[in-house]
Amino acid sequence: MRDRLNLYTHDGQFHADEVFATAMFSLIAKDIHVERGPDTEVPEGSDWIVYDIGGGPLDHHTPENKENNGFHPGTEIPYAACGLVWKAYAGEILAELDCPERYVDRVFSRVENSLILGIDAEDNEVSPVRTVLERMPSVSGDQKQEILRSSRTSLTITQIIKDFNPTWNSDLDPYECFMDAVSFAKDILLNRIYSAISSLDARDFVLRAIDYSANHILIMDQFAPWEGVLYSQRSNPKAQDIWYAVYPALRGGWNIQCARAEGEDRNVYRHPFPKEWYGQRGDDLQKASGVKTAVFCHVSGFLACAETEADALEMASIACRHTSE
């Protein structure tokens, strides 16, 4: 962790790209000193990091830099300050956050694709949807406009950060508003990074549980996001043989969840629960299933719950033996 960073970026209205860039710097230094000012007062010297202004390597506004920076890999989205700082400092950031080395490349890509790209696209006024439509001459102009209207979201992270700027009729201090936005962006960035790390931990956890699965049942001693991992294992016969996942419910008790069949319909399962369970609760479900602590079965049949692990496994076993008519 660095002791202190001296940072310089532009003044005036602030945007998501330099706000998130500042938040990134705050993750690698115990203290950051931020100055905001015009092009005419850009500090010189190696003890300053200048970004989103000044024409240096972390500025994306000059024609030369736009050409040299190019696009985010595999896209037509130019870099903005957010992407440039992420590309340059992500390794240091992830090391400070104790990201396992084996995850670094995947965490970088996940944060890039889920957060950074959107910020850089909006800062550069690039619409990926419009870019794709421009390559579709068979789509009429009216159809393109309808698609563009449908693709717009009412609120984006860029707009949320923009709303931290002082309004025209307020007396708020612009610098304090900027630092408030940085603090907010820091939380978002940390959550996104930790979520990416956690999802990779979950993948390892679920893959181990798949290896230990038997009799069509995946058992986990704690909940982890398992569905995406399971459905990604198309060439793994053990994964393909799983019908139910059994794990502790966040609300108490133990869940038994059906694995979905391939296809877009989320209500088609590899092996459904008995129909007489659907929508039942308490005594009614206990009578229908013969399981003493059965709690409920969702009306769509995707999830059931019992009070104990043993009874959850019993419900899964009964369901496995059940043959749908």
C-alpha atoms as a PDB file:
ATOM      1  CA  MET A   1       0.000   0.000   0.000  1.00  0.00           C
ATOM      2  CA  ARG A   2       1.409   3.383  -0.992  1.00  0.00           C
ATOM      3  CA  ASP A   3       1.496   6.046   1.696  1.00  0.00           C
ATOM      4  CA  ARG A   4       0.155   8.935  -0.388  1.00  0.00           C
ATOM      5  CA  LEU A   5      -0.803   9.782  -3.960  1.00  0.00           C
ATOM      6  CA  ASN A   6      -1.019  13.283  -5.383  1.00  0.00           C
ATOM      7  CA  LEU A   7      -3.757  13.308  -8.006  1.00  0.00           C
ATOM      8  CA  TYR A   8      -4.771  15.956 -10.524  1.00  0.00           C
ATOM      9  CA  THR A   9      -7.846  15.925 -12.722  1.00  0.00           C
ATOM     10  CA  HIS A  10     -10.057  18.505 -14.381  1.00  0.00           C
ATOM     11  CA  ASP A  11     -12.349  20.911 -12.609  1.00  0.00           C
ATOM     12  CA  GLY A  12     -15.896  21.873 -13.568  1.00  0.00           C
ATOM     13  CA  GLN A  13     -18.586  19.248 -13.847  1.00  0.00           C
ATOM     14  CA  PHE A  14     -17.272  15.836 -12.920  1.00  0.00           C
ATOM     15  CA  HIS A  15     -18.097  12.570 -14.647  1.00  0.00           C
ATOM     16  CA  ALA A  16     -18.134   8.888 -13.820  1.00  0.00           C
ATOM     17  CA  ASP A  17     -14.843   8.174 -15.585  1.00  0.00           C
ATOM     18  CA  GLU A  18     -12.566  10.383 -13.480  1.00  0.00           C
ATOM     19  CA  VAL A  19     -14.636   9.752 -10.335  1.00  0.00           C
ATOM     20  CA  PHE A  20     -14.140   5.991 -10.642  1.00  0.00           C
ATOM     21  CA  ALA A  21     -10.497   6.520 -11.604  1.00  0.00           C
ATOM     22  CA  THR A  22     -10.023   8.488  -8.371  1.00  0.00           C
ATOM     23  CA  ALA A  23     -11.760   5.722  -6.422  1.00  0.00           C
ATOM     24  CA  MET A  24      -9.323   3.222  -7.933  1.00  0.00           C
ATOM     25  CA  PHE A  25      -6.353   5.273  -6.751  1.00  0.00           C
ATOM     26  CA  SER A  26      -7.846   5.386  -3.256  1.00  0.00           C
ATOM     27  CA  LEU A  27      -7.575   1.580  -3.142  1.00  0.00           C
ATOM     28  CA  ILE A  28      -3.795   1.591  -3.487  1.00  0.00           C
ATOM     29  CA  ALA A  29      -2.867   4.465  -1.152  1.00  0.00           C
ATOM     30  CA  LYS A  30      -3.400   5.196   2.528  1.00  0.00           C
ATOM     31  CA  ASP A  31      -4.065   8.817   1.622  1.00  0.00           C
ATOM     32  CA  ILE A  32      -4.943  10.590  -1.603  1.00  0.00           C
ATOM     33  CA  HIS A  33      -4.529  14.300  -2.205  1.00  0.00           C
ATOM     34  CA  VAL A  34      -6.791  15.344  -5.065  1.00  0.00           C
ATOM     35  CA  GLU A  35      -6.597  18.645  -6.877  1.00  0.00           C
ATOM     36  CA  ARG A  36      -9.045  19.650  -9.589  1.00  0.00           C
ATOM     37  CA  GLY A  37      -8.142  22.407 -11.985  1.00  0.00           C
ATOM     38  CA  PRO A  38      -7.769  23.568 -15.588  1.00  0.00           C
ATOM     39  CA  ASP A  39      -5.388  22.466 -18.342  1.00  0.00           C
ATOM     40  CA  THR A  40      -3.311  25.590 -17.743  1.00  0.00           C
ATOM     41  CA  GLU A  41      -2.345  24.525 -14.204  1.00  0.00           C
ATOM     42  CA  VAL A  42      -1.440  20.872 -14.671  1.00  0.00           C
ATOM     43  CA  PRO A  43       1.361  20.098 -12.182  1.00  0.00           C
ATOM     44  CA  GLU A  44       4.593  18.609 -13.428  1.00  0.00           C
ATOM     45  CA  GLY A  45       6.823  16.043 -11.828  1.00  0.00           C
ATOM     46  CA  SER A  46       6.816  12.355 -11.045  1.00  0.00           C
ATOM     47  CA  ASP A  47       5.094  12.900  -7.701  1.00  0.00           C
ATOM     48  CA  TRP A  48       1.803  13.699  -9.477  1.00  0.00           C
ATOM     49  CA  ILE A  49      -0.589  11.424 -11.341  1.00  0.00           C
ATOM     50  CA  VAL A  50      -2.569  13.388 -13.911  1.00  0.00           C
ATOM     51  CA  TYR A  51      -5.647  11.807 -15.486  1.00  0.00           C
ATOM     52  CA  ASP A  52      -8.535  12.810 -17.742  1.00  0.00           C
ATOM     53  CA  ILE A  53      -6.682  16.031 -18.501  1.00  0.00           C
ATOM     54  CA  GLY A  54      -3.257  17.217 -19.600  1.00  0.00           C
ATOM     55  CA  GLY A  55      -2.695  15.037 -22.654  1.00  0.00           C
ATOM     56  CA  GLY A  56      -0.707  12.382 -20.802  1.00  0.00           C
ATOM     57  CA  PRO A  57      -1.117   8.609 -20.930  1.00  0.00           C
ATOM     58  CA  LEU A  58      -4.213   8.686 -18.689  1.00  0.00           C
ATOM     59  CA  ASP A  59      -5.997  11.334 -20.756  1.00  0.00           C
ATOM     60  CA  HIS A  60      -8.250  10.254 -23.603  1.00  0.00           C
ATOM     61  CA  HIS A  61      -9.253  13.605 -25.101  1.00  0.00           C
ATOM     62  CA  THR A  62      -6.462  14.411 -27.559  1.00  0.00           C
ATOM     63  CA  PRO A  63      -6.657  12.962 -31.089  1.00  0.00           C
ATOM     64  CA  GLU A  64      -3.237  11.362 -30.591  1.00  0.00           C
ATOM     65  CA  ASN A  65      -4.283   9.642 -27.387  1.00  0.00           C
ATOM     66  CA  LYS A  66      -7.561   8.454 -28.869  1.00  0.00           C
ATOM     67  CA  GLU A  67      -5.618   6.815 -31.681  1.00  0.00           C
ATOM     68  CA  ASN A  68      -2.924   5.381 -29.405  1.00  0.00           C
ATOM     69  CA  ASN A  69      -5.367   4.101 -26.797  1.00  0.00           C
ATOM     70  CA  GLY A  70      -7.560   2.344 -29.310  1.00  0.00           C
ATOM     71  CA  PHE A  71     -10.538   0.358 -28.087  1.00  0.00           C
ATOM     72  CA  HIS A  72     -11.303  -2.001 -25.256  1.00  0.00           C
ATOM     73  CA  PRO A  73     -10.409  -5.479 -26.562  1.00  0.00           C
ATOM     74  CA  GLY A  74     -13.139  -7.088 -28.627  1.00  0.00           C
ATOM     75  CA  THR A  75     -15.278  -3.943 -28.667  1.00  0.00           C
ATOM     76  CA  GLU A  76     -15.653  -0.643 -30.451  1.00  0.00           C
ATOM     77  CA  ILE A  77     -15.647   1.268 -27.169  1.00  0.00           C
ATOM     78  CA  PRO A  78     -12.786   3.773 -26.828  1.00  0.00           C
ATOM     79  CA  TYR A  79     -10.987   4.137 -23.533  1.00  0.00           C
ATOM     80  CA  ALA A  80     -11.907   6.897 -21.101  1.00  0.00           C
ATOM     81  CA  ALA A  81     -10.036   7.754 -17.891  1.00  0.00           C
ATOM     82  CA  CYS A  82     -11.795   4.978 -15.990  1.00  0.00           C
ATOM     83  CA  GLY A  83     -10.661   2.275 -18.405  1.00  0.00           C
ATOM     84  CA  LEU A  84      -7.160   3.689 -18.746  1.00  0.00           C
ATOM     85  CA  VAL A  85      -6.594   3.734 -14.991  1.00  0.00           C
ATOM     86  CA  TRP A  86      -8.141   0.277 -14.586  1.00  0.00           C
ATOM     87  CA  LYS A  87      -5.863  -1.128 -17.294  1.00  0.00           C
ATOM     88  CA  ALA A  88      -2.780   0.487 -15.767  1.00  0.00           C
ATOM     89  CA  TYR A  89      -3.443  -0.139 -12.078  1.00  0.00           C
ATOM     90  CA  ALA A  90      -5.780  -3.151 -11.838  1.00  0.00           C
ATOM     91  CA  GLY A  91      -2.934  -5.504 -10.976  1.00  0.00           C
ATOM     92  CA  GLU A  92      -1.867  -3.325  -8.056  1.00  0.00           C
ATOM     93  CA  ILE A  93      -5.476  -2.816  -6.936  1.00  0.00           C
ATOM     94  CA  LEU A  94      -6.259  -6.523  -6.947  1.00  0.00           C
ATOM     95  CA  ALA A  95      -3.042  -7.327  -5.096  1.00  0.00           C
ATOM     96  CA  GLU A  96      -3.963  -4.834  -2.360  1.00  0.00           C
ATOM     97  CA  LEU A  97      -7.385  -6.489  -2.086  1.00  0.00           C
ATOM     98  CA  ASP A  98      -5.787  -9.926  -1.692  1.00  0.00           C
ATOM     99  CA  CYS A  99      -7.263 -11.283  -4.899  1.00  0.00           C
ATOM    100  CA  PRO A 100      -5.843 -14.797  -5.389  1.00  0.00           C
ATOM    101  CA  GLU A 101      -3.280 -14.710  -8.172  1.00  0.00           C
ATOM    102  CA  ARG A 102      -5.084 -17.446 -10.080  1.00  0.00           C
ATOM    103  CA  TYR A 103      -8.166 -15.207 -10.262  1.00  0.00           C
ATOM    104  CA  VAL A 104      -6.530 -11.955 -11.352  1.00  0.00           C
ATOM    105  CA  ASP A 105      -7.128 -12.198 -15.096  1.00  0.00           C
ATOM    106  CA  ARG A 106     -10.730 -13.322 -14.671  1.00  0.00           C
ATOM    107  CA  VAL A 107     -11.538 -10.686 -12.042  1.00  0.00           C
ATOM    108  CA  PHE A 108     -10.002  -8.040 -14.289  1.00  0.00           C
ATOM    109  CA  SER A 109     -12.213  -9.140 -17.183  1.00  0.00           C
ATOM    110  CA  ARG A 110     -15.378  -9.428 -15.096  1.00  0.00           C
ATOM    111  CA  VAL A 111     -15.014  -5.938 -13.642  1.00  0.00           C
ATOM    112  CA  GLU A 112     -14.036  -4.592 -17.045  1.00  0.00           C
ATOM    113  CA  ASN A 113     -17.071  -6.083 -18.763  1.00  0.00           C
ATOM    114  CA  SER A 114     -19.635  -5.429 -16.048  1.00  0.00           C
ATOM    115  CA  LEU A 115     -18.633  -1.910 -14.952  1.00  0.00           C
ATOM    116  CA  ILE A 116     -15.736  -0.254 -16.774  1.00  0.00           C
ATOM    117  CA  LEU A 117     -17.021  -0.727 -20.321  1.00  0.00           C
ATOM    118  CA  GLY A 118     -20.340   0.963 -19.593  1.00  0.00           C
ATOM    119  CA  ILE A 119     -18.666   3.967 -17.990  1.00  0.00           C
ATOM    120  CA  ASP A 120     -16.194   4.415 -20.845  1.00  0.00           C
ATOM    121  CA  ALA A 121     -18.892   3.931 -23.484  1.00  0.00           C
ATOM    122  CA  GLU A 122     -21.128   6.639 -22.029  1.00  0.00           C
ATOM    123  CA  ASP A 123     -18.232   9.023 -21.467  1.00  0.00           C
ATOM    124  CA  ASN A 124     -17.300   8.674 -25.132  1.00  0.00           C
ATOM    125  CA  GLU A 125     -20.988   8.883 -26.186  1.00  0.00           C
ATOM    126  CA  VAL A 126     -20.770   5.468 -27.772  1.00  0.00           C
ATOM    127  CA  SER A 127     -23.822   3.228 -27.957  1.00  0.00           C
ATOM    128  CA  PRO A 128     -22.823  -0.392 -28.594  1.00  0.00           C
ATOM    129  CA  VAL A 129     -26.362  -1.089 -29.792  1.00  0.00           C
ATOM    130  CA  ARG A 130     -26.198   1.755 -32.326  1.00  0.00           C
ATOM    131  CA  THR A 131     -22.790   0.526 -33.480  1.00  0.00           C
ATOM    132  CA  VAL A 132     -24.190  -2.930 -34.199  1.00  0.00           C
ATOM    133  CA  LEU A 133     -27.285  -1.525 -35.931  1.00  0.00           C
ATOM    134  CA  GLU A 134     -25.091   0.531 -38.240  1.00  0.00           C
ATOM    135  CA  ARG A 135     -23.783  -2.760 -39.638  1.00  0.00           C
ATOM    136  CA  MET A 136     -27.320  -3.994 -40.401  1.00  0.00           C
ATOM    137  CA  PRO A 137     -28.477  -2.363 -43.644  1.00  0.00           C
ATOM    138  CA  SER A 138     -31.545  -4.606 -43.819  1.00  0.00           C
ATOM    139  CA  VAL A 139     -32.984  -3.035 -40.654  1.00  0.00           C
ATOM    140  CA  SER A 140     -35.091   0.008 -41.488  1.00  0.00           C
ATOM    141  CA  GLY A 141     -34.495   3.405 -39.941  1.00  0.00           C
ATOM    142  CA  ASP A 142     -37.739   3.247 -37.969  1.00  0.00           C
ATOM    143  CA  GLN A 143     -36.863  -0.203 -36.667  1.00  0.00           C
ATOM    144  CA  LYS A 144     -33.417   0.999 -35.622  1.00  0.00           C
ATOM    145  CA  GLN A 145     -34.921   3.911 -33.721  1.00  0.00           C
ATOM    146  CA  GLU A 146     -37.365   1.601 -31.963  1.00  0.00           C
ATOM    147  CA  ILE A 147     -34.549  -0.752 -30.962  1.00  0.00           C
ATOM    148  CA  LEU A 148     -32.468   2.170 -29.685  1.00  0.00           C
ATOM    149  CA  ARG A 149     -35.387   3.510 -27.656  1.00  0.00           C
ATOM    150  CA  SER A 150     -35.979   0.083 -26.158  1.00  0.00           C
ATOM    151  CA  SER A 151     -32.296  -0.362 -25.288  1.00  0.00           C
ATOM    152  CA  ARG A 152     -32.008   2.858 -23.293  1.00  0.00           C
ATOM    153  CA  THR A 153     -32.116   2.561 -19.541  1.00  0.00           C
ATOM    154  CA  SER A 154     -33.614   5.289 -17.418  1.00  0.00           C
ATOM    155  CA  LEU A 155     -30.768   5.380 -14.911  1.00  0.00           C
ATOM    156  CA  THR A 156     -27.140   4.350 -15.321  1.00  0.00           C
ATOM    157  CA  ILE A 157     -24.111   4.547 -13.085  1.00  0.00           C
ATOM    158  CA  THR A 158     -22.958   7.497 -15.188  1.00  0.00           C
ATOM    159  CA  GLN A 159     -26.166   9.397 -14.443  1.00  0.00           C
ATOM    160  CA  ILE A 160     -26.016   8.474 -10.765  1.00  0.00           C
ATOM    161  CA  ILE A 161     -22.512   9.958 -10.507  1.00  0.00           C
ATOM    162  CA  LYS A 162     -23.555  13.014 -12.521  1.00  0.00           C
ATOM    163  CA  ASP A 163     -26.287  13.681  -9.960  1.00  0.00           C
ATOM    164  CA  PHE A 164     -23.604  14.199  -7.289  1.00  0.00           C
ATOM    165  CA  ASN A 165     -22.663  17.460  -9.025  1.00  0.00           C
ATOM    166  CA  PRO A 166     -24.038  20.591  -7.338  1.00  0.00           C
ATOM    167  CA  THR A 167     -27.260  21.716  -8.964  1.00  0.00           C
ATOM    168  CA  TRP A 168     -27.351  25.139 -10.601  1.00  0.00           C
ATOM    169  CA  ASN A 169     -29.210  26.681  -7.648  1.00  0.00           C
ATOM    170  CA  SER A 170     -27.291  25.085  -4.784  1.00  0.00           C
ATOM    171  CA  ASP A 171     -24.427  26.436  -2.695  1.00  0.00           C
ATOM    172  CA  LEU A 172     -22.757  23.057  -2.203  1.00  0.00           C
ATOM    173  CA  ASP A 173     -18.978  22.943  -2.497  1.00  0.00           C
ATOM    174  CA  PRO A 174     -18.050  21.237  -5.816  1.00  0.00           C
ATOM    175  CA  TYR A 175     -14.934  19.638  -4.324  1.00  0.00           C
ATOM    176  CA  GLU A 176     -16.863  18.097  -1.439  1.00  0.00           C
ATOM    177  CA  CYS A 177     -19.471  16.825  -3.902  1.00  0.00           C
ATOM    178  CA  PHE A 178     -16.702  15.299  -5.994  1.00  0.00           C
ATOM    179  CA  MET A 179     -15.203  13.505  -3.000  1.00  0.00           C
ATOM    180  CA  ASP A 180     -18.676  12.290  -1.956  1.00  0.00           C
ATOM    181  CA  ALA A 181     -19.039  10.806  -5.432  1.00  0.00           C
ATOM    182  CA  VAL A 182     -15.600   9.180  -5.121  1.00  0.00           C
ATOM    183  CA  SER A 183     -16.578   7.595  -1.812  1.00  0.00           C
ATOM    184  CA  PHE A 184     -19.769   6.243  -3.396  1.00  0.00           C
ATOM    185  CA  ALA A 185     -17.841   4.958  -6.428  1.00  0.00           C
ATOM    186  CA  LYS A 186     -15.291   3.304  -4.160  1.00  0.00           C
ATOM    187  CA  ASP A 187     -18.031   1.258  -2.508  1.00  0.00           C
ATOM    188  CA  ILE A 188     -19.414   0.211  -5.895  1.00  0.00           C
ATOM    189  CA  LEU A 189     -15.966  -0.724  -7.136  1.00  0.00           C
ATOM    190  CA  LEU A 190     -15.140  -2.727  -4.026  1.00  0.00           C
ATOM    191  CA  ASN A 191     -18.471  -4.541  -4.164  1.00  0.00           C
ATOM    192  CA  ARG A 192     -17.956  -5.366  -7.834  1.00  0.00           C
ATOM    193  CA  ILE A 193     -14.427  -6.681  -7.265  1.00  0.00           C
ATOM    194  CA  TYR A 194     -15.339  -8.699  -4.175  1.00  0.00           C
ATOM    195  CA  SER A 195     -18.396 -10.065  -5.969  1.00  0.00           C
ATOM    196  CA  ALA A 196     -16.189 -11.237  -8.844  1.00  0.00           C
ATOM    197  CA  ILE A 197     -13.737 -12.880  -6.433  1.00  0.00           C
ATOM    198  CA  SER A 198     -16.605 -14.463  -4.514  1.00  0.00           C
ATOM    199  CA  SER A 199     -18.188 -15.860  -7.669  1.00  0.00           C
ATOM    200  CA  LEU A 200     -14.905 -17.531  -8.579  1.00  0.00           C
ATOM    201  CA  ASP A 201     -14.618 -18.944  -5.054  1.00  0.00           C
ATOM    202  CA  ALA A 202     -18.180 -20.201  -5.460  1.00  0.00           C
ATOM    203  CA  ARG A 203     -17.279 -21.840  -8.751  1.00  0.00           C
ATOM    204  CA  ASP A 204     -14.482 -23.807  -7.094  1.00  0.00           C
ATOM    205  CA  PHE A 205     -16.770 -24.703  -4.182  1.00  0.00           C
ATOM    206  CA  VAL A 206     -19.594 -25.899  -6.443  1.00  0.00           C
ATOM    207  CA  LEU A 207     -17.267 -27.857  -8.713  1.00  0.00           C
ATOM    208  CA  ARG A 208     -15.993 -29.756  -5.678  1.00  0.00           C
ATOM    209  CA  ALA A 209     -19.578 -30.425  -4.595  1.00  0.00           C
ATOM    210  CA  ILE A 210     -20.377 -31.718  -8.081  1.00  0.00           C
ATOM    211  CA  ASP A 211     -17.436 -34.109  -7.851  1.00  0.00           C
ATOM    212  CA  TYR A 212     -18.855 -35.468  -4.580  1.00  0.00           C
ATOM    213  CA  SER A 213     -22.465 -35.645  -5.811  1.00  0.00           C
ATOM    214  CA  ALA A 214     -24.301 -38.958  -6.069  1.00  0.00           C
ATOM    215  CA  ASN A 215     -27.768 -40.290  -6.814  1.00  0.00           C
ATOM    216  CA  HIS A 216     -28.736 -37.154  -8.776  1.00  0.00           C
ATOM    217  CA  ILE A 217     -28.311 -34.917  -5.696  1.00  0.00           C
ATOM    218  CA  LEU A 218     -25.862 -32.039  -5.240  1.00  0.00           C
ATOM    219  CA  ILE A 219     -25.300 -31.398  -1.511  1.00  0.00           C
ATOM    220  CA  MET A 220     -23.718 -28.184  -0.202  1.00  0.00           C
ATOM    221  CA  ASP A 221     -23.110 -27.464   3.477  1.00  0.00           C
ATOM    222  CA  GLN A 222     -23.664 -23.766   2.804  1.00  0.00           C
ATOM    223  CA  PHE A 223     -25.380 -21.846   0.050  1.00  0.00           C
ATOM    224  CA  ALA A 224     -23.269 -20.799  -2.917  1.00  0.00           C
ATOM    225  CA  PRO A 225     -24.415 -19.580  -6.356  1.00  0.00           C
ATOM    226  CA  TRP A 226     -24.523 -22.979  -8.035  1.00  0.00           C
ATOM    227  CA  GLU A 227     -26.834 -22.821 -11.021  1.00  0.00           C
ATOM    228  CA  GLY A 228     -24.549 -21.009 -13.454  1.00  0.00           C
ATOM    229  CA  VAL A 229     -21.679 -23.330 -12.559  1.00  0.00           C
ATOM    230  CA  LEU A 230     -23.796 -26.454 -12.942  1.00  0.00           C
ATOM    231  CA  TYR A 231     -25.262 -25.429 -16.298  1.00  0.00           C
ATOM    232  CA  SER A 232     -21.840 -24.481 -17.650  1.00  0.00           C
ATOM    233  CA  GLN A 233     -20.588 -28.055 -17.168  1.00  0.00           C
ATOM    234  CA  ARG A 234     -22.069 -29.459 -20.384  1.00  0.00           C
ATOM    235  CA  SER A 235     -19.260 -31.959 -20.882  1.00  0.00           C
ATOM    236  CA  ASN A 236     -19.202 -33.102 -17.245  1.00  0.00           C
ATOM    237  CA  PRO A 237     -21.353 -36.235 -16.897  1.00  0.00           C
ATOM    238  CA  LYS A 238     -21.643 -35.832 -13.132  1.00  0.00           C
ATOM    239  CA  ALA A 239     -23.017 -32.312 -13.557  1.00  0.00           C
ATOM    240  CA  GLN A 240     -25.426 -33.448 -16.238  1.00  0.00           C
ATOM    241  CA  ASP A 241     -26.705 -36.175 -13.908  1.00  0.00           C
ATOM    242  CA  ILE A 242     -27.749 -33.770 -11.132  1.00  0.00           C
ATOM    243  CA  TRP A 243     -31.487 -33.239 -10.649  1.00  0.00           C
ATOM    244  CA  TYR A 244     -31.604 -31.469  -7.284  1.00  0.00           C
ATOM    245  CA  ALA A 245     -29.428 -29.207  -5.155  1.00  0.00           C
ATOM    246  CA  VAL A 246     -29.775 -29.415  -1.368  1.00  0.00           C
ATOM    247  CA  TYR A 247     -28.353 -26.590   0.751  1.00  0.00           C
ATOM    248  CA  PRO A 248     -29.086 -24.517   3.893  1.00  0.00           C
ATOM    249  CA  ALA A 249     -31.825 -21.945   3.282  1.00  0.00           C
ATOM    250  CA  LEU A 250     -30.971 -18.329   4.076  1.00  0.00           C
ATOM    251  CA  ARG A 251     -34.284 -18.089   5.959  1.00  0.00           C
ATOM    252  CA  GLY A 252     -33.629 -21.230   7.965  1.00  0.00           C
ATOM    253  CA  GLY A 253     -34.127 -24.896   7.223  1.00  0.00           C
ATOM    254  CA  TRP A 254     -32.862 -26.647   4.104  1.00  0.00           C
ATOM    255  CA  ASN A 255     -33.805 -26.032   0.478  1.00  0.00           C
ATOM    256  CA  ILE A 256     -34.254 -28.621  -2.246  1.00  0.00           C
ATOM    257  CA  GLN A 257     -34.066 -26.915  -5.622  1.00  0.00           C
ATOM    258  CA  CYS A 258     -34.705 -28.452  -9.013  1.00  0.00           C
ATOM    259  CA  ALA A 259     -32.057 -28.216 -11.686  1.00  0.00           C
ATOM    260  CA  ARG A 260     -33.519 -26.735 -14.858  1.00  0.00           C
ATOM    261  CA  ALA A 261     -33.599 -28.572 -18.131  1.00  0.00           C
ATOM    262  CA  GLU A 262     -31.760 -26.984 -21.034  1.00  0.00           C
ATOM    263  CA  GLY A 263     -33.783 -24.383 -22.883  1.00  0.00           C
ATOM    264  CA  GLU A 264     -35.214 -20.935 -22.285  1.00  0.00           C
ATOM    265  CA  ASP A 265     -38.207 -22.042 -20.193  1.00  0.00           C
ATOM    266  CA  ARG A 266     -37.164 -21.647 -16.563  1.00  0.00           C
ATOM    267  CA  ASN A 267     -40.063 -23.818 -15.395  1.00  0.00           C
ATOM    268  CA  VAL A 268     -38.930 -26.991 -17.142  1.00  0.00           C
ATOM    269  CA  TYR A 269     -36.838 -29.180 -14.854  1.00  0.00           C
ATOM    270  CA  ARG A 270     -34.580 -32.156 -15.386  1.00  0.00           C
ATOM    271  CA  HIS A 271     -36.731 -34.163 -12.997  1.00  0.00           C
ATOM    272  CA  PRO A 272     -39.739 -32.344 -11.482  1.00  0.00           C
ATOM    273  CA  PHE A 273     -41.058 -32.790  -7.993  1.00  0.00           C
ATOM    274  CA  PRO A 274     -44.298 -34.774  -7.676  1.00  0.00           C
ATOM    275  CA  LYS A 275     -47.149 -32.563  -8.872  1.00  0.00           C
ATOM    276  CA  GLU A 276     -49.076 -33.113  -5.650  1.00  0.00           C
ATOM    277  CA  TRP A 277     -46.362 -31.169  -3.787  1.00  0.00           C
ATOM    278  CA  TYR A 278     -46.771 -27.981  -5.823  1.00  0.00           C
ATOM    279  CA  GLY A 279     -48.046 -25.078  -3.742  1.00  0.00           C
ATOM    280  CA  GLN A 280     -48.414 -27.137  -0.570  1.00  0.00           C
ATOM    281  CA  ARG A 281     -47.311 -26.043   2.890  1.00  0.00           C
ATOM    282  CA  GLY A 282     -46.972 -27.410   6.398  1.00  0.00           C
ATOM    283  CA  ASP A 283     -49.282 -30.285   7.275  1.00  0.00           C
ATOM    284  CA  ASP A 284     -50.600 -30.579   3.716  1.00  0.00           C
ATOM    285  CA  LEU A 285     -47.098 -31.001   2.293  1.00  0.00           C
ATOM    286  CA  GLN A 286     -46.085 -33.361   5.085  1.00  0.00           C
ATOM    287  CA  LYS A 287     -49.062 -35.575   4.247  1.00  0.00           C
ATOM    288  CA  ALA A 288     -48.399 -35.378   0.510  1.00  0.00           C
ATOM    289  CA  SER A 289     -44.675 -36.137   0.823  1.00  0.00           C
ATOM    290  CA  GLY A 290     -44.569 -38.314   3.937  1.00  0.00           C
ATOM    291  CA  VAL A 291     -41.710 -36.161   5.250  1.00  0.00           C
ATOM    292  CA  LYS A 292     -42.166 -35.041   8.850  1.00  0.00           C
ATOM    293  CA  THR A 293     -40.572 -31.565   8.687  1.00  0.00           C
ATOM    294  CA  ALA A 294     -41.489 -30.590   5.115  1.00  0.00           C
ATOM    295  CA  VAL A 295     -42.240 -26.860   5.144  1.00  0.00           C
ATOM    296  CA  PHE A 296     -43.396 -25.813   1.679  1.00  0.00           C
ATOM    297  CA  CYS A 297     -43.125 -26.390  -2.037  1.00  0.00           C
ATOM    298  CA  HIS A 298     -43.261 -23.432  -4.390  1.00  0.00           C
ATOM    299  CA  VAL A 299     -46.342 -23.230  -6.578  1.00  0.00           C
ATOM    300  CA  SER A 300     -44.156 -23.496  -9.700  1.00  0.00           C
ATOM    301  CA  GLY A 301     -42.388 -26.549  -8.296  1.00  0.00           C
ATOM    302  CA  PHE A 302     -38.842 -25.203  -8.562  1.00  0.00           C
ATOM    303  CA  LEU A 303     -38.107 -25.171  -4.813  1.00  0.00           C
ATOM    304  CA  ALA A 304     -39.110 -27.043  -1.669  1.00  0.00           C
ATOM    305  CA  CYS A 305     -37.950 -26.742   1.925  1.00  0.00           C
ATOM    306  CA  ALA A 306     -37.680 -28.914   5.041  1.00  0.00           C
ATOM    307  CA  GLU A 307     -36.581 -28.048   8.537  1.00  0.00           C
ATOM    308  CA  THR A 308     -33.659 -30.494   8.655  1.00  0.00           C
ATOM    309  CA  GLU A 309     -30.945 -31.625   6.275  1.00  0.00           C
ATOM    310  CA  ALA A 310     -32.000 -35.246   6.698  1.00  0.00           C
ATOM    311  CA  ASP A 311     -35.586 -34.485   5.694  1.00  0.00           C
ATOM    312  CA  ALA A 312     -34.471 -32.312   2.783  1.00  0.00           C
ATOM    313  CA  LEU A 313     -32.405 -35.241   1.503  1.00  0.00           C
ATOM    314  CA  GLU A 314     -35.383 -37.527   2.057  1.00  0.00           C
ATOM    315  CA  MET A 315     -37.588 -35.245  -0.032  1.00  0.00           C
ATOM    316  CA  ALA A 316     -34.960 -35.207  -2.794  1.00  0.00           C
ATOM    317  CA  SER A 317     -34.724 -39.002  -2.682  1.00  0.00           C
ATOM    318  CA  ILE A 318     -38.509 -39.393  -2.874  1.00  0.00           C
ATOM    319  CA  ALA A 319     -38.597 -36.983  -5.808  1.00  0.00           C
ATOM    320  CA  CYS A 320     -35.841 -38.953  -7.553  1.00  0.00           C
ATOM    321  CA  ARG A 321     -37.899 -42.142  -7.278  1.00  0.00           C
ATOM    322  CA  HIS A 322     -41.047 -40.424  -8.491  1.00  0.00           C
ATOM    323  CA  THR A 323     -41.988 -40.896 -12.127  1.00  0.00           C
ATOM    324  CA  SER A 324     -44.048 -38.151 -13.750  1.00  0.00           C
ATOM    325  CA  GLU A 325     -47.078 -39.293 -15.675  1.00  0.00           C
END
